[in-house]
Amino acid sequence: MTVKSSISLTDEQHAFARALVDTGRYASFSAVIQQSIEHLRRRLDVEDLERRALYEILSRRRSGEFVGAEEMDERLSKMLADKRRTHGVST
């Protein structure tokens, strides 16, 4: 089902959309707008998914063991030393 809608665009937006149609990239002005809205919908869906994933990571992190900066530095130094040793890389 399609619904007719009236929209307002800036001169620049209109010229851009018109150029897309005139150069054959889109069949019609409506196709440009439909594709634009679909692209925005997908982008917002991805942003929402990323936001929820970040919230989940932060929630897990908050409920886990706290590691201070000094201890984290020690852990990273040990990890790097182990990797260097494993791969035969000298410092």
PDB file of N, CA and C in Angstrom:
ATOM      1  N   MET A   1       0.841  -1.165   0.000  1.00  0.00           N
ATOM      2  CA  MET A   1       0.000   0.000   0.000  1.00  0.00           C
ATOM      3  C   MET A   1       0.895   1.239   0.000  1.00  0.00           C
ATOM      4  N   THR A   2       0.534   2.219  -0.751  1.00  0.00           N
ATOM      5  CA  THR A   2       1.269   3.487  -0.744  1.00  0.00           C
ATOM      6  C   THR A   2       0.342   4.590  -0.280  1.00  0.00           C
ATOM      7  N   VAL A   3       0.941   5.571   0.346  1.00  0.00           N
ATOM      8  CA  VAL A   3       0.197   6.713   0.858  1.00  0.00           C
ATOM      9  C   VAL A   3       0.813   7.969   0.263  1.00  0.00           C
ATOM     10  N   LYS A   4      -0.018   8.830  -0.251  1.00  0.00           N
ATOM     11  CA  LYS A   4       0.479  10.100  -0.777  1.00  0.00           C
ATOM     12  C   LYS A   4       0.677  11.051   0.385  1.00  0.00           C
ATOM     13  N   SER A   5       1.811  11.762   0.343  1.00  0.00           N
ATOM     14  CA  SER A   5       2.146  12.698   1.407  1.00  0.00           C
ATOM     15  C   SER A   5       2.733  13.948   0.789  1.00  0.00           C
ATOM     16  N   SER A   6       2.512  15.031   1.445  1.00  0.00           N
ATOM     17  CA  SER A   6       3.106  16.287   1.019  1.00  0.00           C
ATOM     18  C   SER A   6       4.288  16.573   1.934  1.00  0.00           C
ATOM     19  N   ILE A   7       5.449  16.893   1.350  1.00  0.00           N
ATOM     20  CA  ILE A   7       6.624  17.190   2.157  1.00  0.00           C
ATOM     21  C   ILE A   7       7.218  18.522   1.721  1.00  0.00           C
ATOM     22  N   SER A   8       7.988  19.103   2.610  1.00  0.00           N
ATOM     23  CA  SER A   8       8.702  20.337   2.293  1.00  0.00           C
ATOM     24  C   SER A   8      10.191  20.046   2.344  1.00  0.00           C
ATOM     25  N   LEU A   9      10.906  20.524   1.335  1.00  0.00           N
ATOM     26  CA  LEU A   9      12.348  20.345   1.257  1.00  0.00           C
ATOM     27  C   LEU A   9      13.009  21.706   1.078  1.00  0.00           C
ATOM     28  N   THR A  10      14.261  21.782   1.474  1.00  0.00           N
ATOM     29  CA  THR A  10      15.008  22.992   1.163  1.00  0.00           C
ATOM     30  C   THR A  10      15.320  22.969  -0.328  1.00  0.00           C
ATOM     31  N   ASP A  11      15.707  24.109  -0.867  1.00  0.00           N
ATOM     32  CA  ASP A  11      16.081  24.163  -2.288  1.00  0.00           C
ATOM     33  C   ASP A  11      17.223  23.199  -2.587  1.00  0.00           C
ATOM     34  N   GLU A  12      18.182  23.131  -1.683  1.00  0.00           N
ATOM     35  CA  GLU A  12      19.335  22.241  -1.869  1.00  0.00           C
ATOM     36  C   GLU A  12      18.912  20.771  -1.874  1.00  0.00           C
ATOM     37  N   GLN A  13      18.047  20.381  -0.944  1.00  0.00           N
ATOM     38  CA  GLN A  13      17.562  18.999  -0.901  1.00  0.00           C
ATOM     39  C   GLN A  13      16.796  18.651  -2.162  1.00  0.00           C
ATOM     40  N   HIS A  14      15.949  19.564  -2.591  1.00  0.00           N
ATOM     41  CA  HIS A  14      15.162  19.331  -3.803  1.00  0.00           C
ATOM     42  C   HIS A  14      16.070  19.191  -5.024  1.00  0.00           C
ATOM     43  N   ALA A  15      17.057  20.059  -5.141  1.00  0.00           N
ATOM     44  CA  ALA A  15      17.981  20.003  -6.277  1.00  0.00           C
ATOM     45  C   ALA A  15      18.762  18.696  -6.281  1.00  0.00           C
ATOM     46  N   PHE A  16      19.184  18.251  -5.110  1.00  0.00           N
ATOM     47  CA  PHE A  16      19.917  16.996  -5.008  1.00  0.00           C
ATOM     48  C   PHE A  16      19.048  15.821  -5.454  1.00  0.00           C
ATOM     49  N   ALA A  17      17.836  15.754  -4.926  1.00  0.00           N
ATOM     50  CA  ALA A  17      16.917  14.666  -5.291  1.00  0.00           C
ATOM     51  C   ALA A  17      16.593  14.718  -6.776  1.00  0.00           C
ATOM     52  N   ARG A  18      16.347  15.889  -7.293  1.00  0.00           N
ATOM     53  CA  ARG A  18      16.034  16.051  -8.719  1.00  0.00           C
ATOM     54  C   ARG A  18      17.213  15.587  -9.577  1.00  0.00           C
ATOM     55  N   ALA A  19      18.443  15.915  -9.159  1.00  0.00           N
ATOM     56  CA  ALA A  19      19.634  15.491  -9.910  1.00  0.00           C
ATOM     57  C   ALA A  19      19.750  13.968  -9.927  1.00  0.00           C
ATOM     58  N   LEU A  20      19.390  13.318  -8.818  1.00  0.00           N
ATOM     59  CA  LEU A  20      19.430  11.851  -8.781  1.00  0.00           C
ATOM     60  C   LEU A  20      18.470  11.246  -9.798  1.00  0.00           C
ATOM     61  N   VAL A  21      17.332  11.860  -9.951  1.00  0.00           N
ATOM     62  CA  VAL A  21      16.347  11.387 -10.930  1.00  0.00           C
ATOM     63  C   VAL A  21      16.823  11.724 -12.345  1.00  0.00           C
ATOM     64  N   ASP A  22      17.269  12.957 -12.548  1.00  0.00           N
ATOM     65  CA  ASP A  22      17.694  13.399 -13.880  1.00  0.00           C
ATOM     66  C   ASP A  22      18.870  12.599 -14.424  1.00  0.00           C
ATOM     67  N   THR A  23      19.760  12.140 -13.536  1.00  0.00           N
ATOM     68  CA  THR A  23      20.911  11.349 -13.989  1.00  0.00           C
ATOM     69  C   THR A  23      20.588   9.865 -14.104  1.00  0.00           C
ATOM     70  N   GLY A  24      19.350   9.498 -13.766  1.00  0.00           N
ATOM     71  CA  GLY A  24      18.934   8.103 -13.927  1.00  0.00           C
ATOM     72  C   GLY A  24      19.250   7.196 -12.760  1.00  0.00           C
ATOM     73  N   ARG A  25      19.749   7.747 -11.678  1.00  0.00           N
ATOM     74  CA  ARG A  25      20.064   6.900 -10.517  1.00  0.00           C
ATOM     75  C   ARG A  25      18.801   6.401  -9.837  1.00  0.00           C
ATOM     76  N   TYR A  26      17.733   7.182  -9.941  1.00  0.00           N
ATOM     77  CA  TYR A  26      16.432   6.794  -9.396  1.00  0.00           C
ATOM     78  C   TYR A  26      15.374   7.050 -10.460  1.00  0.00           C
ATOM     79  N   ALA A  27      14.337   6.244 -10.424  1.00  0.00           N
ATOM     80  CA  ALA A  27      13.284   6.351 -11.435  1.00  0.00           C
ATOM     81  C   ALA A  27      12.382   7.552 -11.217  1.00  0.00           C
ATOM     82  N   SER A  28      12.240   7.969  -9.959  1.00  0.00           N
ATOM     83  CA  SER A  28      11.327   9.072  -9.669  1.00  0.00           C
ATOM     84  C   SER A  28      11.741   9.777  -8.377  1.00  0.00           C
ATOM     85  N   PHE A  29      11.163  10.949  -8.204  1.00  0.00           N
ATOM     86  CA  PHE A  29      11.388  11.703  -6.981  1.00  0.00           C
ATOM     87  C   PHE A  29      10.894  10.900  -5.781  1.00  0.00           C
ATOM     88  N   SER A  30       9.769  10.238  -5.933  1.00  0.00           N
ATOM     89  CA  SER A  30       9.224   9.408  -4.849  1.00  0.00           C
ATOM     90  C   SER A  30      10.186   8.289  -4.476  1.00  0.00           C
ATOM     91  N   ALA A  31      10.839   7.695  -5.476  1.00  0.00           N
ATOM     92  CA  ALA A  31      11.793   6.616  -5.210  1.00  0.00           C
ATOM     93  C   ALA A  31      12.966   7.125  -4.373  1.00  0.00           C
ATOM     94  N   VAL A  32      13.408   8.348  -4.641  1.00  0.00           N
ATOM     95  CA  VAL A  32      14.490   8.941  -3.854  1.00  0.00           C
ATOM     96  C   VAL A  32      14.050   9.074  -2.401  1.00  0.00           C
ATOM     97  N   ILE A  33      12.879   9.619  -2.187  1.00  0.00           N
ATOM     98  CA  ILE A  33      12.379   9.828  -0.825  1.00  0.00           C
ATOM     99  C   ILE A  33      12.141   8.493  -0.125  1.00  0.00           C
ATOM    100  N   GLN A  34      11.553   7.524  -0.811  1.00  0.00           N
ATOM    101  CA  GLN A  34      11.305   6.208  -0.213  1.00  0.00           C
ATOM    102  C   GLN A  34      12.609   5.548   0.213  1.00  0.00           C
ATOM    103  N   GLN A  35      13.607   5.590  -0.676  1.00  0.00           N
ATOM    104  CA  GLN A  35      14.900   4.989  -0.357  1.00  0.00           C
ATOM    105  C   GLN A  35      15.566   5.708   0.810  1.00  0.00           C
ATOM    106  N   SER A  36      15.434   7.014   0.843  1.00  0.00           N
ATOM    107  CA  SER A  36      16.022   7.804   1.934  1.00  0.00           C
ATOM    108  C   SER A  36      15.398   7.441   3.275  1.00  0.00           C
ATOM    109  N   ILE A  37      14.098   7.317   3.294  1.00  0.00           N
ATOM    110  CA  ILE A  37      13.402   6.955   4.535  1.00  0.00           C
ATOM    111  C   ILE A  37      13.780   5.547   4.969  1.00  0.00           C
ATOM    112  N   GLU A  38      13.883   4.625   4.014  1.00  0.00           N
ATOM    113  CA  GLU A  38      14.276   3.252   4.338  1.00  0.00           C
ATOM    114  C   GLU A  38      15.699   3.223   4.899  1.00  0.00           C
ATOM    115  N   HIS A  39      16.586   3.994   4.307  1.00  0.00           N
ATOM    116  CA  HIS A  39      17.966   4.071   4.793  1.00  0.00           C
ATOM    117  C   HIS A  39      17.988   4.616   6.228  1.00  0.00           C
ATOM    118  N   LEU A  40      17.231   5.643   6.497  1.00  0.00           N
ATOM    119  CA  LEU A  40      17.158   6.224   7.836  1.00  0.00           C
ATOM    120  C   LEU A  40      16.593   5.216   8.834  1.00  0.00           C
ATOM    121  N   ARG A  41      15.559   4.488   8.437  1.00  0.00           N
ATOM    122  CA  ARG A  41      14.965   3.478   9.321  1.00  0.00           C
ATOM    123  C   ARG A  41      15.995   2.415   9.692  1.00  0.00           C
ATOM    124  N   ARG A  42      16.747   1.928   8.694  1.00  0.00           N
ATOM    125  CA  ARG A  42      17.768   0.909   8.961  1.00  0.00           C
ATOM    126  C   ARG A  42      18.867   1.455   9.866  1.00  0.00           C
ATOM    127  N   ARG A  43      19.297   2.707   9.611  1.00  0.00           N
ATOM    128  CA  ARG A  43      20.338   3.309  10.437  1.00  0.00           C
ATOM    129  C   ARG A  43      19.885   3.442  11.881  1.00  0.00           C
ATOM    130  N   LEU A  44      18.643   3.877  12.085  1.00  0.00           N
ATOM    131  CA  LEU A  44      18.112   3.997  13.450  1.00  0.00           C
ATOM    132  C   LEU A  44      17.991   2.637  14.119  1.00  0.00           C
ATOM    133  N   ASP A  45      17.618   1.607  13.356  1.00  0.00           N
ATOM    134  CA  ASP A  45      17.548   0.249  13.912  1.00  0.00           C
ATOM    135  C   ASP A  45      18.932  -0.210  14.377  1.00  0.00           C
ATOM    136  N   VAL A  46      19.948   0.051  13.563  1.00  0.00           N
ATOM    137  CA  VAL A  46      21.318  -0.335  13.921  1.00  0.00           C
ATOM    138  C   VAL A  46      21.775   0.442  15.148  1.00  0.00           C
ATOM    139  N   GLU A  47      21.506   1.743  15.174  1.00  0.00           N
ATOM    140  CA  GLU A  47      21.888   2.550  16.336  1.00  0.00           C
ATOM    141  C   GLU A  47      21.215   2.037  17.601  1.00  0.00           C
ATOM    142  N   ASP A  48      19.949   1.657  17.500  1.00  0.00           N
ATOM    143  CA  ASP A  48      19.228   1.124  18.654  1.00  0.00           C
ATOM    144  C   ASP A  48      19.847  -0.194  19.116  1.00  0.00           C
ATOM    145  N   LEU A  49      20.178  -1.056  18.176  1.00  0.00           N
ATOM    146  CA  LEU A  49      20.806  -2.331  18.501  1.00  0.00           C
ATOM    147  C   LEU A  49      22.166  -2.104  19.164  1.00  0.00           C
ATOM    148  N   GLU A  50      22.954  -1.184  18.626  1.00  0.00           N
ATOM    149  CA  GLU A  50      24.258  -0.878  19.211  1.00  0.00           C
ATOM    150  C   GLU A  50      24.111  -0.301  20.615  1.00  0.00           C
ATOM    151  N   ARG A  51      23.137   0.568  20.805  1.00  0.00           N
ATOM    152  CA  ARG A  51      22.904   1.173  22.113  1.00  0.00           C
ATOM    153  C   ARG A  51      22.518   0.097  23.136  1.00  0.00           C
ATOM    154  N   ARG A  52      21.650  -0.825  22.725  1.00  0.00           N
ATOM    155  CA  ARG A  52      21.244  -1.893  23.647  1.00  0.00           C
ATOM    156  C   ARG A  52      22.417  -2.813  23.971  1.00  0.00           C
ATOM    157  N   ALA A  53      23.257  -3.094  22.973  1.00  0.00           N
ATOM    158  CA  ALA A  53      24.430  -3.941  23.204  1.00  0.00           C
ATOM    159  C   ALA A  53      25.406  -3.253  24.156  1.00  0.00           C
ATOM    160  N   LEU A  54      25.616  -1.957  23.958  1.00  0.00           N
ATOM    161  CA  LEU A  54      26.509  -1.208  24.848  1.00  0.00           C
ATOM    162  C   LEU A  54      25.956  -1.196  26.272  1.00  0.00           C
ATOM    163  N   TYR A  55      24.654  -0.992  26.403  1.00  0.00           N
ATOM    164  CA  TYR A  55      24.033  -1.009  27.723  1.00  0.00           C
ATOM    165  C   TYR A  55      24.258  -2.368  28.401  1.00  0.00           C
ATOM    166  N   GLU A  56      24.115  -3.436  27.632  1.00  0.00           N
ATOM    167  CA  GLU A  56      24.317  -4.784  28.182  1.00  0.00           C
ATOM    168  C   GLU A  56      25.764  -4.975  28.630  1.00  0.00           C
ATOM    169  N   ILE A  57      26.709  -4.514  27.816  1.00  0.00           N
ATOM    170  CA  ILE A  57      28.126  -4.626  28.180  1.00  0.00           C
ATOM    171  C   ILE A  57      28.404  -3.837  29.454  1.00  0.00           C
ATOM    172  N   LEU A  58      27.892  -2.602  29.511  1.00  0.00           N
ATOM    173  CA  LEU A  58      28.118  -1.780  30.700  1.00  0.00           C
ATOM    174  C   LEU A  58      27.455  -2.383  31.937  1.00  0.00           C
ATOM    175  N   SER A  59      26.276  -2.953  31.770  1.00  0.00           N
ATOM    176  CA  SER A  59      25.590  -3.583  32.902  1.00  0.00           C
ATOM    177  C   SER A  59      26.394  -4.758  33.428  1.00  0.00           C
ATOM    178  N   ARG A  60      26.916  -5.582  32.517  1.00  0.00           N
ATOM    179  CA  ARG A  60      27.742  -6.722  32.939  1.00  0.00           C
ATOM    180  C   ARG A  60      29.007  -6.233  33.624  1.00  0.00           C
ATOM    181  N   ARG A  61      29.598  -5.189  33.076  1.00  0.00           N
ATOM    182  CA  ARG A  61      30.836  -4.650  33.648  1.00  0.00           C
ATOM    183  C   ARG A  61      30.595  -4.104  35.053  1.00  0.00           C
ATOM    184  N   ARG A  62      29.478  -3.403  35.236  1.00  0.00           N
ATOM    185  CA  ARG A  62      29.165  -2.841  36.555  1.00  0.00           C
ATOM    186  C   ARG A  62      28.961  -3.931  37.603  1.00  0.00           C
ATOM    187  N   SER A  63      28.418  -5.051  37.192  1.00  0.00           N
ATOM    188  CA  SER A  63      28.134  -6.113  38.155  1.00  0.00           C
ATOM    189  C   SER A  63      29.331  -7.037  38.358  1.00  0.00           C
ATOM    190  N   GLY A  64      30.394  -6.844  37.602  1.00  0.00           N
ATOM    191  CA  GLY A  64      31.582  -7.686  37.724  1.00  0.00           C
ATOM    192  C   GLY A  64      32.616  -7.103  38.665  1.00  0.00           C
ATOM    193  N   GLU A  65      33.745  -7.768  38.694  1.00  0.00           N
ATOM    194  CA  GLU A  65      34.855  -7.357  39.545  1.00  0.00           C
ATOM    195  C   GLU A  65      35.451  -6.047  39.030  1.00  0.00           C
ATOM    196  N   PHE A  66      35.734  -5.122  39.944  1.00  0.00           N
ATOM    197  CA  PHE A  66      36.363  -3.856  39.562  1.00  0.00           C
ATOM    198  C   PHE A  66      37.867  -4.066  39.486  1.00  0.00           C
ATOM    199  N   VAL A  67      38.450  -3.595  38.383  1.00  0.00           N
ATOM    200  CA  VAL A  67      39.896  -3.673  38.209  1.00  0.00           C
ATOM    201  C   VAL A  67      40.406  -2.246  38.073  1.00  0.00           C
ATOM    202  N   GLY A  68      41.265  -1.847  38.980  1.00  0.00           N
ATOM    203  CA  GLY A  68      41.826  -0.502  38.948  1.00  0.00           C
ATOM    204  C   GLY A  68      42.824  -0.340  37.817  1.00  0.00           C
ATOM    205  N   ALA A  69      43.195   0.895  37.558  1.00  0.00           N
ATOM    206  CA  ALA A  69      44.099   1.210  36.447  1.00  0.00           C
ATOM    207  C   ALA A  69      45.455   0.531  36.627  1.00  0.00           C
ATOM    208  N   GLU A  70      45.976   0.539  37.837  1.00  0.00           N
ATOM    209  CA  GLU A  70      47.292  -0.064  38.085  1.00  0.00           C
ATOM    210  C   GLU A  70      47.264  -1.568  37.820  1.00  0.00           C
ATOM    211  N   GLU A  71      46.247  -2.220  38.333  1.00  0.00           N
ATOM    212  CA  GLU A  71      46.130  -3.670  38.108  1.00  0.00           C
ATOM    213  C   GLU A  71      45.916  -3.973  36.628  1.00  0.00           C
ATOM    214  N   MET A  72      45.128  -3.148  35.945  1.00  0.00           N
ATOM    215  CA  MET A  72      44.903  -3.364  34.516  1.00  0.00           C
ATOM    216  C   MET A  72      46.207  -3.213  33.746  1.00  0.00           C
ATOM    217  N   ASP A  73      47.015  -2.209  34.103  1.00  0.00           N
ATOM    218  CA  ASP A  73      48.318  -2.038  33.466  1.00  0.00           C
ATOM    219  C   ASP A  73      49.188  -3.276  33.662  1.00  0.00           C
ATOM    220  N   GLU A  74      49.176  -3.826  34.884  1.00  0.00           N
ATOM    221  CA  GLU A  74      49.951  -5.034  35.170  1.00  0.00           C
ATOM    222  C   GLU A  74      49.459  -6.209  34.327  1.00  0.00           C
ATOM    223  N   ARG A  75      48.146  -6.366  34.248  1.00  0.00           N
ATOM    224  CA  ARG A  75      47.578  -7.459  33.443  1.00  0.00           C
ATOM    225  C   ARG A  75      47.969  -7.320  31.973  1.00  0.00           C
ATOM    226  N   LEU A  76      47.866  -6.097  31.456  1.00  0.00           N
ATOM    227  CA  LEU A  76      48.213  -5.870  30.046  1.00  0.00           C
ATOM    228  C   LEU A  76      49.697  -6.108  29.795  1.00  0.00           C
ATOM    229  N   SER A  77      50.544  -5.655  30.717  1.00  0.00           N
ATOM    230  CA  SER A  77      51.985  -5.877  30.568  1.00  0.00           C
ATOM    231  C   SER A  77      52.307  -7.364  30.551  1.00  0.00           C
ATOM    232  N   LYS A  78      51.682  -8.114  31.447  1.00  0.00           N
ATOM    233  CA  LYS A  78      51.894  -9.563  31.488  1.00  0.00           C
ATOM    234  C   LYS A  78      51.402 -10.207  30.198  1.00  0.00           C
ATOM    235  N   MET A  79      50.224  -9.795  29.731  1.00  0.00           N
ATOM    236  CA  MET A  79      49.666 -10.358  28.500  1.00  0.00           C
ATOM    237  C   MET A  79      50.599 -10.085  27.312  1.00  0.00           C
ATOM    238  N   LEU A  80      51.108  -8.852  27.217  1.00  0.00           N
ATOM    239  CA  LEU A  80      52.019  -8.509  26.123  1.00  0.00           C
ATOM    240  C   LEU A  80      53.315  -9.297  26.218  1.00  0.00           C
ATOM    241  N   ALA A  81      53.849  -9.450  27.432  1.00  0.00           N
ATOM    242  CA  ALA A  81      55.077 -10.229  27.618  1.00  0.00           C
ATOM    243  C   ALA A  81      54.861 -11.674  27.197  1.00  0.00           C
ATOM    244  N   ASP A  82      53.717 -12.247  27.582  1.00  0.00           N
ATOM    245  CA  ASP A  82      53.396 -13.628  27.186  1.00  0.00           C
ATOM    246  C   ASP A  82      53.303 -13.761  25.669  1.00  0.00           C
ATOM    247  N   LYS A  83      52.659 -12.809  25.022  1.00  0.00           N
ATOM    248  CA  LYS A  83      52.516 -12.849  23.561  1.00  0.00           C
ATOM    249  C   LYS A  83      53.881 -12.727  22.879  1.00  0.00           C
ATOM    250  N   ARG A  84      54.710 -11.807  23.386  1.00  0.00           N
ATOM    251  CA  ARG A  84      56.052 -11.629  22.816  1.00  0.00           C
ATOM    252  C   ARG A  84      56.862 -12.932  22.954  1.00  0.00           C
ATOM    253  N   ARG A  85      56.796 -13.548  24.140  1.00  0.00           N
ATOM    254  CA  ARG A  85      57.503 -14.783  24.388  1.00  0.00           C
ATOM    255  C   ARG A  85      56.997 -15.890  23.463  1.00  0.00           C
ATOM    256  N   THR A  86      55.683 -15.992  23.329  1.00  0.00           N
ATOM    257  CA  THR A  86      55.068 -17.016  22.479  1.00  0.00           C
ATOM    258  C   THR A  86      55.511 -16.871  21.017  1.00  0.00           C
ATOM    259  N   HIS A  87      55.625 -15.642  20.558  1.00  0.00           N
ATOM    260  CA  HIS A  87      55.943 -15.392  19.148  1.00  0.00           C
ATOM    261  C   HIS A  87      57.423 -15.069  18.921  1.00  0.00           C
ATOM    262  N   GLY A  88      58.225 -15.190  19.976  1.00  0.00           N
ATOM    263  CA  GLY A  88      59.652 -14.969  19.844  1.00  0.00           C
ATOM    264  C   GLY A  88      60.047 -13.555  19.502  1.00  0.00           C
ATOM    265  N   VAL A  89      59.310 -12.612  20.013  1.00  0.00           N
ATOM    266  CA  VAL A  89      59.593 -11.191  19.754  1.00  0.00           C
ATOM    267  C   VAL A  89      60.288 -10.620  20.977  1.00  0.00           C
ATOM    268  N   SER A  90      61.443  -9.950  20.746  1.00  0.00           N
ATOM    269  CA  SER A  90      62.126  -9.330  21.880  1.00  0.00           C
ATOM    270  C   SER A  90      61.651  -7.891  22.065  1.00  0.00           C
ATOM    271  N   THR A  91      61.811  -7.393  23.273  1.00  0.00           N
ATOM    272  CA  THR A  91      61.361  -6.022  23.574  1.00  0.00           C
ATOM    273  C   THR A  91      62.327  -4.987  23.137  1.00  0.00           C
TER     274      THR A  91
END
